[in-house]
Every structure is written in C-alpha cells, then in structure tokens.
N, C-alpha and C. Protein backbone atom coordinates (compact mmCIF):
# COMPACT_ATOMS: atom_id res chain seq x y z
N MET A 1 92.51 127.53 74.08
CA MET A 1 91.43 127.90 74.99
C MET A 1 91.68 128.88 76.06
N PRO A 2 90.86 130.14 76.08
CA PRO A 2 91.18 131.10 77.06
C PRO A 2 91.39 130.72 78.58
N ALA A 3 92.18 131.52 79.33
CA ALA A 3 92.20 131.19 80.74
C ALA A 3 90.81 131.63 81.39
N ILE A 4 90.63 130.93 82.64
CA ILE A 4 89.22 131.04 83.42
C ILE A 4 89.38 132.50 83.83
N ASP A 5 88.14 133.24 83.43
CA ASP A 5 87.86 134.62 83.90
C ASP A 5 87.95 134.70 85.46
N ARG A 6 88.59 135.94 85.81
CA ARG A 6 88.86 136.11 87.35
C ARG A 6 87.49 136.10 88.16
N GLY A 7 86.49 136.70 87.48
CA GLY A 7 85.01 136.62 88.15
C GLY A 7 84.66 135.35 88.47
N LEU A 8 84.80 134.46 87.30
CA LEU A 8 84.42 132.94 87.64
C LEU A 8 85.38 132.17 88.77
N LEU A 9 86.68 132.77 88.73
CA LEU A 9 87.46 132.08 90.00
C LEU A 9 86.90 132.65 91.19
N LEU A 10 86.47 133.91 91.40
CA LEU A 10 85.97 134.30 92.64
C LEU A 10 84.79 133.57 93.04
N VAL A 11 83.75 133.43 92.07
CA VAL A 11 82.49 132.55 92.22
C VAL A 11 82.94 131.22 92.69
N ALA A 12 83.81 130.47 92.04
CA ALA A 12 84.30 129.19 92.39
C ALA A 12 84.93 129.28 93.77
N ALA A 13 85.60 130.12 93.96
CA ALA A 13 86.57 129.99 95.54
C ALA A 13 85.34 130.48 96.55
N ALA A 14 84.32 131.24 96.14
CA ALA A 14 83.35 131.60 97.12
C ALA A 14 82.53 130.45 97.39
N LEU A 15 82.16 129.66 96.47
CA LEU A 15 81.48 128.25 96.73
C LEU A 15 82.21 127.30 97.51
N SER A 16 83.35 127.30 97.21
CA SER A 16 84.52 126.29 98.10
C SER A 16 84.55 126.68 99.34
N LEU A 17 84.62 128.04 99.71
CA LEU A 17 84.89 128.32 100.95
C LEU A 17 83.52 128.18 101.82
N LEU A 18 82.41 128.36 101.14
CA LEU A 18 80.97 128.28 101.68
C LEU A 18 80.90 126.74 102.21
N CYS A 19 81.06 126.00 101.14
CA CYS A 19 80.91 124.67 101.53
C CYS A 19 81.79 124.01 102.62
N THR A 20 82.95 124.61 102.55
CA THR A 20 84.14 124.32 103.64
C THR A 20 83.87 124.87 104.92
N ALA A 21 83.22 125.98 105.00
CA ALA A 21 82.83 126.70 106.27
C ALA A 21 81.54 125.85 106.91
N LEU A 22 80.57 125.44 105.97
CA LEU A 22 79.44 124.71 106.38
C LEU A 22 79.77 123.58 107.06
N TYR A 23 80.99 122.84 106.41
CA TYR A 23 81.44 121.56 106.87
C TYR A 23 81.89 121.54 108.30
N PHE A 24 82.53 122.62 108.66
CA PHE A 24 83.05 122.83 110.03
C PHE A 24 82.31 123.43 110.93
N LEU A 25 81.07 124.17 110.63
CA LEU A 25 80.10 124.68 111.52
C LEU A 25 79.10 123.47 111.90
N PRO A 26 78.45 123.77 113.12
CA PRO A 26 77.63 122.88 113.55
C PRO A 26 75.97 123.07 113.04
N VAL A 27 75.95 123.13 111.54
CA VAL A 27 74.77 123.58 110.98
C VAL A 27 74.07 122.47 110.24
N ASP A 28 74.41 121.31 110.33
CA ASP A 28 73.93 120.28 109.38
C ASP A 28 72.58 120.07 109.95
N GLY A 29 72.11 119.80 111.31
CA GLY A 29 70.72 119.58 111.51
C GLY A 29 69.73 120.77 111.17
N ALA A 30 70.32 121.97 110.96
CA ALA A 30 69.40 123.13 110.54
C ALA A 30 69.41 123.07 109.12
N LEU A 31 70.44 122.90 108.24
CA LEU A 31 70.24 123.01 106.76
C LEU A 31 70.26 121.67 105.83
N ASN A 32 70.49 120.74 106.35
CA ASN A 32 70.32 119.49 105.52
C ASN A 32 69.05 119.31 105.08
N TRP A 33 69.05 118.51 103.83
CA TRP A 33 67.83 118.16 102.99
C TRP A 33 67.18 117.21 103.86
N GLN A 34 66.18 117.43 104.56
CA GLN A 34 65.21 116.33 105.23
C GLN A 34 63.92 116.51 104.93
N ARG A 35 63.30 115.39 104.43
CA ARG A 35 61.88 115.23 103.80
C ARG A 35 61.09 115.86 104.93
N LEU A 36 61.04 115.43 106.07
CA LEU A 36 59.92 115.49 107.12
C LEU A 36 60.14 117.10 107.68
N GLN A 37 61.36 117.74 107.49
CA GLN A 37 61.45 119.21 108.01
C GLN A 37 60.90 119.98 106.77
N ILE A 38 61.10 119.41 105.61
CA ILE A 38 60.54 120.33 104.40
C ILE A 38 59.18 120.14 104.43
N ASP A 39 58.67 119.10 104.71
CA ASP A 39 57.22 118.91 104.82
C ASP A 39 56.58 119.95 106.01
N SER A 40 57.40 120.33 106.99
CA SER A 40 57.06 121.15 107.94
C SER A 40 57.21 122.65 107.66
N GLY A 41 57.72 122.90 106.36
CA GLY A 41 57.64 124.50 106.14
C GLY A 41 59.15 124.82 106.07
N GLU A 42 60.20 124.06 106.33
CA GLU A 42 61.70 124.50 106.11
C GLU A 42 62.11 124.37 104.76
N TYR A 43 61.73 125.29 103.85
CA TYR A 43 61.96 125.13 102.48
C TYR A 43 63.31 125.50 102.19
N TRP A 44 63.96 126.31 102.98
CA TRP A 44 65.51 126.61 102.66
C TRP A 44 66.36 125.26 102.56
N ARG A 45 65.82 124.18 103.11
CA ARG A 45 66.53 122.85 103.28
C ARG A 45 66.67 122.47 101.58
N LEU A 46 65.63 122.77 100.76
CA LEU A 46 65.75 122.50 99.34
C LEU A 46 67.08 122.82 98.54
N LEU A 47 67.51 124.08 99.30
CA LEU A 47 68.83 124.73 98.53
C LEU A 47 69.99 124.32 99.23
N THR A 48 69.94 124.37 100.57
CA THR A 48 70.90 124.28 101.62
C THR A 48 71.63 123.00 101.65
N GLY A 49 70.83 121.83 101.58
CA GLY A 49 71.21 120.66 101.68
C GLY A 49 72.41 120.21 100.49
N ASN A 50 72.49 120.92 99.45
CA ASN A 50 73.36 120.76 98.57
C ASN A 50 74.69 121.16 98.87
N LEU A 51 74.84 122.07 99.88
CA LEU A 51 76.08 122.67 100.39
C LEU A 51 76.80 121.84 101.36
N LEU A 52 76.12 120.97 102.05
CA LEU A 52 76.59 120.15 103.12
C LEU A 52 77.32 118.77 102.59
N HIS A 53 78.16 118.32 103.39
CA HIS A 53 78.79 117.12 103.20
C HIS A 53 78.90 116.07 104.26
N THR A 54 78.91 114.78 104.15
CA THR A 54 78.97 113.85 105.06
C THR A 54 80.42 113.70 106.10
N ASN A 55 81.43 114.07 105.04
CA ASN A 55 82.68 113.83 105.85
C ASN A 55 83.80 114.83 104.79
N HIS A 56 84.87 114.64 105.22
CA HIS A 56 85.90 115.42 104.39
C HIS A 56 86.28 114.90 103.02
N TRP A 57 86.16 113.55 103.11
CA TRP A 57 86.34 113.03 101.59
C TRP A 57 85.11 113.50 100.62
N HIS A 58 83.95 113.38 101.25
CA HIS A 58 82.78 113.79 100.39
C HIS A 58 82.99 115.17 99.90
N LEU A 59 83.54 116.03 100.84
CA LEU A 59 83.55 117.53 100.46
C LEU A 59 84.84 117.67 99.59
N LEU A 60 85.82 117.16 99.59
CA LEU A 60 86.97 117.12 98.83
C LEU A 60 86.73 116.67 97.27
N MET A 61 85.91 115.33 97.31
CA MET A 61 85.75 114.77 96.08
C MET A 61 84.78 115.75 95.18
N ASN A 62 83.86 116.34 95.90
CA ASN A 62 82.93 117.20 95.37
C ASN A 62 83.43 118.54 94.79
N LEU A 63 84.24 118.97 95.76
CA LEU A 63 85.02 120.34 95.35
C LEU A 63 85.97 120.22 94.16
N ALA A 64 86.60 118.95 94.22
CA ALA A 64 87.53 118.69 93.11
C ALA A 64 86.83 118.65 91.92
N GLY A 65 85.73 117.87 91.77
CA GLY A 65 84.66 117.73 90.65
C GLY A 65 84.30 118.99 90.11
N PHE A 66 83.83 119.88 91.16
CA PHE A 66 83.44 121.24 90.68
C PHE A 66 84.33 121.99 89.79
N TRP A 67 85.80 122.00 90.52
CA TRP A 67 86.73 122.78 89.83
C TRP A 67 87.15 122.05 88.53
N VAL A 68 87.03 120.83 88.42
CA VAL A 68 87.38 120.10 87.00
C VAL A 68 86.21 120.50 86.00
N ILE A 69 85.13 120.43 86.33
CA ILE A 69 83.97 120.84 85.54
C ILE A 69 84.06 122.24 85.11
N LEU A 70 84.33 123.10 86.09
CA LEU A 70 84.34 124.61 85.70
C LEU A 70 85.54 124.70 84.78
N SER A 71 86.68 124.00 84.86
CA SER A 71 87.68 124.33 84.10
C SER A 71 87.45 123.73 82.55
N LEU A 72 86.79 122.66 82.42
CA LEU A 72 86.31 122.11 81.32
C LEU A 72 85.34 122.94 80.45
N HIS A 73 84.51 123.67 81.13
CA HIS A 73 83.28 124.54 80.54
C HIS A 73 83.45 126.00 80.89
N HIS A 74 84.60 126.68 81.35
CA HIS A 74 84.48 127.93 81.89
C HIS A 74 84.02 128.99 80.81
N PHE A 75 84.57 128.60 79.63
CA PHE A 75 84.29 129.72 78.40
C PHE A 75 82.84 129.96 78.09
N HIS A 76 81.99 129.10 78.62
CA HIS A 76 80.45 129.27 78.55
C HIS A 76 79.91 130.30 79.42
N TYR A 77 80.67 130.78 80.68
CA TYR A 77 80.08 131.32 81.67
C TYR A 77 80.75 132.76 81.76
N ARG A 78 79.92 133.74 82.31
CA ARG A 78 80.32 134.82 82.94
C ARG A 78 79.92 134.57 84.45
N ALA A 79 80.45 135.45 85.36
CA ALA A 79 80.16 134.93 86.86
C ALA A 79 78.76 135.07 87.20
N ALA A 80 77.96 136.19 86.73
CA ALA A 80 76.65 136.29 86.99
C ALA A 80 75.80 135.06 86.51
N VAL A 81 76.05 134.63 85.41
CA VAL A 81 75.56 133.40 84.81
C VAL A 81 75.79 132.28 85.72
N LEU A 82 77.15 132.10 86.24
CA LEU A 82 77.43 130.85 86.93
C LEU A 82 76.75 130.83 88.24
N VAL A 83 76.60 132.16 88.87
CA VAL A 83 76.01 132.28 90.05
C VAL A 83 74.38 131.90 90.06
N ALA A 84 73.75 132.37 89.00
CA ALA A 84 72.48 132.06 88.66
C ALA A 84 72.18 130.56 88.42
N LEU A 85 73.11 130.09 87.70
CA LEU A 85 73.03 128.63 87.13
C LEU A 85 73.07 127.70 88.74
N LEU A 86 73.99 127.92 89.37
CA LEU A 86 74.25 127.31 90.52
C LEU A 86 73.04 127.30 91.60
N VAL A 87 72.41 128.53 91.54
CA VAL A 87 71.22 128.62 92.32
C VAL A 87 70.21 128.07 91.84
N LEU A 88 70.01 128.04 90.68
CA LEU A 88 68.91 127.27 89.88
C LEU A 88 69.09 125.88 90.10
N LEU A 89 70.28 125.35 89.90
CA LEU A 89 70.50 124.02 90.03
C LEU A 89 70.24 123.38 91.42
N CYS A 90 70.64 124.08 92.27
CA CYS A 90 70.53 123.73 93.83
C CYS A 90 68.77 123.79 94.06
N VAL A 91 68.07 124.77 93.65
CA VAL A 91 66.70 124.77 93.93
C VAL A 91 66.18 123.69 93.22
N GLY A 92 66.53 123.49 91.90
CA GLY A 92 65.90 122.36 90.82
C GLY A 92 66.15 121.12 91.63
N GLU A 93 67.26 120.83 91.92
CA GLU A 93 67.86 119.58 92.77
C GLU A 93 66.93 119.26 93.85
N GLY A 94 66.78 120.34 94.75
CA GLY A 94 66.04 119.94 96.00
C GLY A 94 64.58 119.64 95.76
N ILE A 95 64.09 120.49 94.81
CA ILE A 95 62.64 120.20 94.44
C ILE A 95 62.32 118.73 93.77
N GLY A 96 63.29 118.75 92.79
CA GLY A 96 63.22 117.36 92.05
C GLY A 96 63.29 116.19 92.96
N LEU A 97 64.26 116.31 93.96
CA LEU A 97 64.43 114.94 94.85
C LEU A 97 63.14 115.00 95.65
N TYR A 98 62.45 116.17 95.93
CA TYR A 98 61.33 116.12 96.84
C TYR A 98 60.14 115.60 96.13
N LEU A 99 60.05 115.85 94.94
CA LEU A 99 58.84 115.69 94.15
C LEU A 99 58.91 114.18 93.67
N PHE A 100 59.84 113.77 93.12
CA PHE A 100 60.05 112.40 92.34
C PHE A 100 60.83 111.23 92.99
N HIS A 101 61.16 111.62 94.22
CA HIS A 101 61.67 110.38 95.00
C HIS A 101 61.24 110.45 96.57
N SER A 102 60.17 110.29 96.58
CA SER A 102 59.40 110.12 97.90
C SER A 102 60.02 109.32 98.78
N GLU A 103 60.86 108.11 98.47
CA GLU A 103 61.72 107.41 99.26
C GLU A 103 62.65 107.78 100.02
N LEU A 104 63.28 109.02 99.38
CA LEU A 104 64.48 109.53 100.00
C LEU A 104 64.20 110.47 101.24
N ARG A 105 64.80 110.14 102.25
CA ARG A 105 64.46 110.80 103.58
C ARG A 105 65.50 112.06 103.81
N ALA A 106 66.60 111.79 103.51
CA ALA A 106 67.86 112.81 103.80
C ALA A 106 68.88 112.83 102.58
N TYR A 107 69.45 114.03 102.27
CA TYR A 107 70.58 114.09 101.18
C TYR A 107 71.27 115.30 101.80
N VAL A 108 72.57 115.03 101.47
CA VAL A 108 73.52 116.21 101.37
C VAL A 108 74.68 116.01 100.33
N GLY A 109 75.09 117.16 99.72
CA GLY A 109 76.30 117.06 98.83
C GLY A 109 76.06 117.78 97.54
N LEU A 110 77.11 118.15 96.84
CA LEU A 110 77.08 118.77 95.63
C LEU A 110 76.99 117.86 94.47
N SER A 111 76.91 116.61 94.58
CA SER A 111 77.10 115.67 93.45
C SER A 111 76.02 115.94 92.52
N GLY A 112 74.92 116.12 92.92
CA GLY A 112 73.69 116.44 91.93
C GLY A 112 73.96 117.58 91.02
N ILE A 113 74.32 118.70 91.78
CA ILE A 113 74.67 119.94 91.16
C ILE A 113 75.83 119.77 90.23
N LEU A 114 76.87 118.96 90.50
CA LEU A 114 77.90 118.65 89.63
C LEU A 114 77.30 117.92 88.28
N HIS A 115 76.50 117.13 88.53
CA HIS A 115 76.01 116.51 87.29
C HIS A 115 75.15 117.55 86.30
N GLY A 116 74.53 118.40 87.11
CA GLY A 116 73.79 119.42 86.34
C GLY A 116 74.65 120.33 85.64
N LEU A 117 75.59 120.85 86.31
CA LEU A 117 76.65 121.64 85.79
C LEU A 117 77.16 120.94 84.51
N PHE A 118 77.64 119.72 84.60
CA PHE A 118 78.31 118.91 83.47
C PHE A 118 77.22 119.02 82.41
N ALA A 119 75.90 118.71 82.54
CA ALA A 119 74.98 118.67 81.50
C ALA A 119 74.86 119.91 80.97
N PHE A 120 74.61 121.04 81.65
CA PHE A 120 74.50 122.26 81.06
C PHE A 120 75.73 122.77 80.18
N GLY A 121 76.87 122.20 80.74
CA GLY A 121 78.21 122.56 79.87
C GLY A 121 78.08 121.86 78.57
N ALA A 122 77.69 120.61 78.53
CA ALA A 122 77.69 119.67 77.32
C ALA A 122 76.68 120.25 76.33
N VAL A 123 75.50 120.76 76.85
CA VAL A 123 74.43 121.34 76.02
C VAL A 123 74.88 122.54 75.24
N MET A 124 75.90 123.34 76.11
CA MET A 124 76.43 124.58 75.45
C MET A 124 77.62 124.05 74.49
N ASP A 125 78.32 123.06 74.74
CA ASP A 125 79.20 122.55 73.85
C ASP A 125 78.57 122.14 72.51
N ILE A 126 77.43 121.60 72.55
CA ILE A 126 76.71 121.26 71.28
C ILE A 126 76.16 122.33 70.65
N ASN A 127 75.72 123.30 71.24
CA ASN A 127 75.16 124.59 70.66
C ASN A 127 76.18 125.46 69.92
N ARG A 128 77.73 125.22 70.38
CA ARG A 128 78.64 125.71 69.69
C ARG A 128 79.28 124.93 68.58
N GLY A 129 78.62 123.94 68.44
CA GLY A 129 79.18 122.82 67.26
C GLY A 129 80.34 122.19 67.68
N LEU A 130 80.71 121.92 69.00
CA LEU A 130 81.47 121.08 69.54
C LEU A 130 80.99 119.66 69.48
N LYS A 131 81.66 118.73 68.52
CA LYS A 131 81.27 117.38 68.83
C LYS A 131 81.49 116.70 70.05
N SER A 132 82.49 117.09 70.76
CA SER A 132 82.73 116.49 72.03
C SER A 132 81.53 116.77 73.24
N GLY A 133 80.57 117.73 72.73
CA GLY A 133 79.46 117.82 73.63
C GLY A 133 78.56 116.75 73.53
N TRP A 134 78.34 116.18 72.38
CA TRP A 134 77.72 114.91 72.27
C TRP A 134 78.19 113.64 73.01
N LEU A 135 79.51 113.71 72.95
CA LEU A 135 80.16 112.70 73.65
C LEU A 135 80.14 112.69 75.15
N LEU A 136 80.23 114.04 75.68
CA LEU A 136 80.10 114.17 77.14
C LEU A 136 78.61 113.99 77.56
N LEU A 137 77.82 114.29 76.84
CA LEU A 137 76.27 114.13 77.31
C LEU A 137 75.89 112.56 77.07
N ALA A 138 76.52 111.90 75.99
CA ALA A 138 76.17 110.49 75.83
C ALA A 138 77.06 109.80 77.31
N GLY A 139 78.21 110.23 77.59
CA GLY A 139 79.02 109.50 78.61
C GLY A 139 78.19 109.95 79.94
N LEU A 140 77.59 111.11 80.05
CA LEU A 140 76.98 111.13 81.25
C LEU A 140 75.60 110.34 81.49
N ALA A 141 74.91 110.33 80.22
CA ALA A 141 73.89 109.50 80.39
C ALA A 141 74.03 108.12 80.68
N ALA A 142 75.10 107.54 80.14
CA ALA A 142 75.59 106.07 80.26
C ALA A 142 75.69 106.05 81.88
N LYS A 143 76.57 106.83 82.42
CA LYS A 143 77.02 106.75 83.83
C LYS A 143 75.71 106.92 84.77
N VAL A 144 74.92 107.77 84.50
CA VAL A 144 73.67 107.98 85.22
C VAL A 144 72.69 106.76 85.10
N GLY A 145 72.65 106.36 83.85
CA GLY A 145 71.83 105.13 83.47
C GLY A 145 72.33 103.84 84.37
N TYR A 146 73.67 103.69 84.35
CA TYR A 146 74.18 102.64 85.08
C TYR A 146 74.02 102.67 86.57
N GLU A 147 74.23 103.83 87.13
CA GLU A 147 74.06 103.95 88.55
C GLU A 147 72.47 103.69 88.95
N GLN A 148 71.43 104.30 87.95
CA GLN A 148 70.06 103.87 88.16
C GLN A 148 69.94 102.37 88.36
N TRP A 149 70.44 101.73 87.38
CA TRP A 149 70.31 100.16 87.21
C TRP A 149 70.89 99.21 88.33
N PHE A 150 72.36 99.73 88.38
CA PHE A 150 73.28 98.97 89.40
C PHE A 150 73.56 99.62 90.54
N GLY A 151 73.37 100.72 90.70
CA GLY A 151 73.81 101.51 91.94
C GLY A 151 75.30 102.13 91.93
N ALA A 152 75.63 102.72 92.90
CA ALA A 152 77.08 103.32 92.89
C ALA A 152 78.08 102.53 93.54
N SER A 153 79.20 102.90 93.22
CA SER A 153 80.37 101.89 93.85
C SER A 153 80.19 102.00 95.40
N ALA A 154 80.53 100.64 95.78
CA ALA A 154 80.50 100.33 97.29
C ALA A 154 81.64 100.95 97.94
N ASP A 155 82.85 101.22 97.06
CA ASP A 155 83.89 102.00 97.76
C ASP A 155 83.67 103.26 97.88
N VAL A 156 83.08 103.96 97.07
CA VAL A 156 82.69 105.40 97.26
C VAL A 156 81.80 105.55 98.32
N SER A 157 80.86 104.72 98.59
CA SER A 157 79.73 104.58 99.86
C SER A 157 80.73 104.62 101.00
N ALA A 158 81.54 103.53 100.92
CA ALA A 158 82.37 103.35 102.23
C ALA A 158 83.20 104.80 102.37
N MET A 159 83.86 105.46 101.54
CA MET A 159 84.71 106.53 101.64
C MET A 159 83.95 107.83 102.24
N ILE A 160 82.72 107.92 101.71
CA ILE A 160 81.88 109.21 102.31
C ILE A 160 81.10 108.66 103.46
N GLY A 161 81.01 107.58 103.90
CA GLY A 161 80.29 107.26 104.97
C GLY A 161 78.72 107.48 104.98
N ALA A 162 78.28 106.97 103.76
CA ALA A 162 76.72 107.11 103.49
C ALA A 162 76.62 106.60 102.08
N ARG A 163 75.27 106.25 102.07
CA ARG A 163 74.78 105.74 100.49
C ARG A 163 74.96 106.84 99.53
N VAL A 164 75.46 106.49 98.52
CA VAL A 164 75.52 107.40 97.46
C VAL A 164 74.19 107.60 96.85
N ALA A 165 73.68 108.93 96.88
CA ALA A 165 72.27 109.28 96.39
C ALA A 165 72.32 109.34 94.92
N THR A 166 72.18 108.16 94.18
CA THR A 166 72.28 108.14 92.68
C THR A 166 71.20 108.91 92.09
N GLU A 167 69.98 109.10 92.89
CA GLU A 167 68.90 109.62 92.37
C GLU A 167 69.03 111.19 92.08
N SER A 168 69.99 111.86 93.03
CA SER A 168 70.51 113.08 92.93
C SER A 168 71.27 113.41 91.59
N HIS A 169 71.79 112.34 91.22
CA HIS A 169 72.62 112.54 89.62
C HIS A 169 71.83 112.64 88.73
N LEU A 170 70.91 111.81 88.87
CA LEU A 170 69.84 111.71 87.73
C LEU A 170 69.01 112.96 87.66
N VAL A 171 68.50 113.45 88.90
CA VAL A 171 67.72 114.79 89.04
C VAL A 171 68.62 115.86 88.33
N GLY A 172 70.07 115.94 89.07
CA GLY A 172 71.01 117.06 88.62
C GLY A 172 71.05 117.00 86.97
N ALA A 173 71.26 115.90 86.40
CA ALA A 173 71.57 115.77 85.07
C ALA A 173 70.34 116.28 84.27
N ILE A 174 69.34 115.93 84.63
CA ILE A 174 67.90 116.38 83.95
C ILE A 174 67.76 117.80 84.10
N VAL A 175 67.99 118.23 85.42
CA VAL A 175 67.76 119.68 85.61
C VAL A 175 68.91 120.59 84.89
N GLY A 176 70.10 120.27 84.72
CA GLY A 176 71.14 120.88 84.12
C GLY A 176 70.85 120.93 82.52
N ALA A 177 70.49 119.79 82.02
CA ALA A 177 70.22 119.67 80.33
C ALA A 177 68.75 120.77 80.21
N ALA A 178 68.12 120.70 81.07
CA ALA A 178 66.63 121.43 80.78
C ALA A 178 66.90 122.86 81.06
N LEU A 179 67.83 123.29 81.83
CA LEU A 179 68.35 124.75 81.97
C LEU A 179 69.21 125.20 80.96
N GLY A 180 69.96 124.34 80.59
CA GLY A 180 70.71 124.60 79.26
C GLY A 180 69.86 124.90 77.99
N LEU A 181 68.82 123.97 77.74
CA LEU A 181 67.90 124.07 76.59
C LEU A 181 67.06 125.45 76.90
N ALA A 182 66.55 125.61 78.19
CA ALA A 182 65.98 126.89 78.41
C ALA A 182 66.77 128.17 78.31
N TYR A 183 67.89 128.11 78.58
CA TYR A 183 69.11 129.25 78.43
C TYR A 183 69.23 129.64 76.91
N LEU A 184 69.26 128.67 76.03
CA LEU A 184 69.52 128.76 74.65
C LEU A 184 68.25 129.27 74.18
N GLY A 185 67.07 128.77 74.61
CA GLY A 185 65.90 129.25 73.77
C GLY A 185 65.54 130.76 74.34
N LEU A 186 65.88 131.05 75.44
CA LEU A 186 65.87 132.63 76.01
C LEU A 186 66.81 133.53 75.19
N ARG A 187 68.09 133.03 74.92
CA ARG A 187 68.95 133.79 74.18
C ARG A 187 68.57 133.74 72.81
N LYS A 188 67.67 132.98 72.17
CA LYS A 188 67.55 133.00 70.81
C LYS A 188 66.28 134.13 70.69
N LEU A 189 65.18 134.14 71.55
CA LEU A 189 64.12 134.88 71.64
C LEU A 189 64.84 136.40 71.77
N LYS A 190 65.72 136.52 72.76
CA LYS A 190 66.42 137.76 72.78
C LYS A 190 66.92 138.23 71.63
N GLN A 191 67.68 137.49 70.81
CA GLN A 191 68.26 137.87 69.59
C GLN A 191 67.23 138.25 68.43
N ALA A 192 66.15 137.46 68.55
CA ALA A 192 65.08 137.66 67.41
C ALA A 192 64.56 138.96 67.86
N LYS A 193 64.35 139.43 69.04
CA LYS A 193 63.55 140.78 69.42
C LYS A 193 64.59 142.04 68.93
N VAL A 194 65.90 141.64 69.16
CA VAL A 194 66.95 142.55 68.81
C VAL A 194 66.78 142.76 67.06
N ALA A 195 66.74 141.56 66.50
CA ALA A 195 66.82 141.66 65.07
C ALA A 195 65.43 142.41 64.53
N ALA A 196 64.48 142.29 65.00
CA ALA A 196 63.14 142.59 64.62
C ALA A 196 63.11 144.20 64.61
C-alpha cells in the first residue's frame, strides 16, 4: 500500500490544528450548531458546529478517528478532493441534522463527518473491487443501526461530557455514501465524454 501523500498530510494536519485552535478559543457560542440561531439566519453554524468539541477527550477521540480513517483510505484521495469532501460532509451533516432531526437543539463534533468519510471510503473500496469495502459498509450500517435502536455507550457520553448525538452518525453515513455514489457517477460521465 502506498504511503500517505504529502498533500493529504497537510490537509489532515490543517484540520487537526483548526479543530484544536477552535477548542482553545472562546468561539463556541458563535460557531456551534444551534437550531434557534440557525433559524435566525446564522447559517455558518451548519458547517462550523462540526469543528467544535465538548472537551479534550471528545477532540482527541475525533482527531484520532480522523487519522485512522485517512490512513485506511488515503489512496482514494488527492488533497483537493479531500478538502472538497470534508466541506461537503460538513455542510451535508449540518443541513441533514437541521432538516431531519427537529428534536436536536445543539450539536458539536466531527463524529458525523468521520462516519461520512468512512462510508465514502467504503464505497470507493467497493468500486475498486475490494471485498473489504462491503465488510466495512456492513459494519458501519450495523454500528449506526445499533446506535439508532439502543443508543450510544454511556461511558462515551460520560467521557465527552454530553449525550452522543447518534443521529449525526446516521446523517454522516448517509451523506458520505451518497457523495461516494455521486462522485463515481460524475467520474463515469466525464470518462464517457472523453471517450465519445
């Protein structure tokens, strides 16, 4: 398996530094995902809420998960594609939570984005003919389904000092899989135009 591209490392480091800086800056009240403020026109919260964290354990767990997922699927990305994917996942996550989970009042964290990134990578694996992609997608579906039915671990909730927003995992996984399918569809259209 090839080493992680330097451009991807720079993107990953930039995201890690951004999330860490936002954790230490007093910006939570201005940037977190808050339904009432979004209703009032503060639409940037749809994106920025994903970059904030409740405490240092929440931040460390999410950043560790991000680096693990990137190392698992790095060969699918170029730096520009990863940046675009992360932005689309953030926006899709924020809008999805807003439209389909009206009971949710506030949200912060990268975990929905991580589920989306994982789903996208699994779809790319399947497209490459890697049978492990099906296993990853099935495992993700089982995890998200379990969480929707039984909820998240009480230990994780205690560690991050907040309820785990399992609905963000569901939205993220759906958005990530949809973006993966859309990406493959656009690529096939482009290839068909070149061949014509």
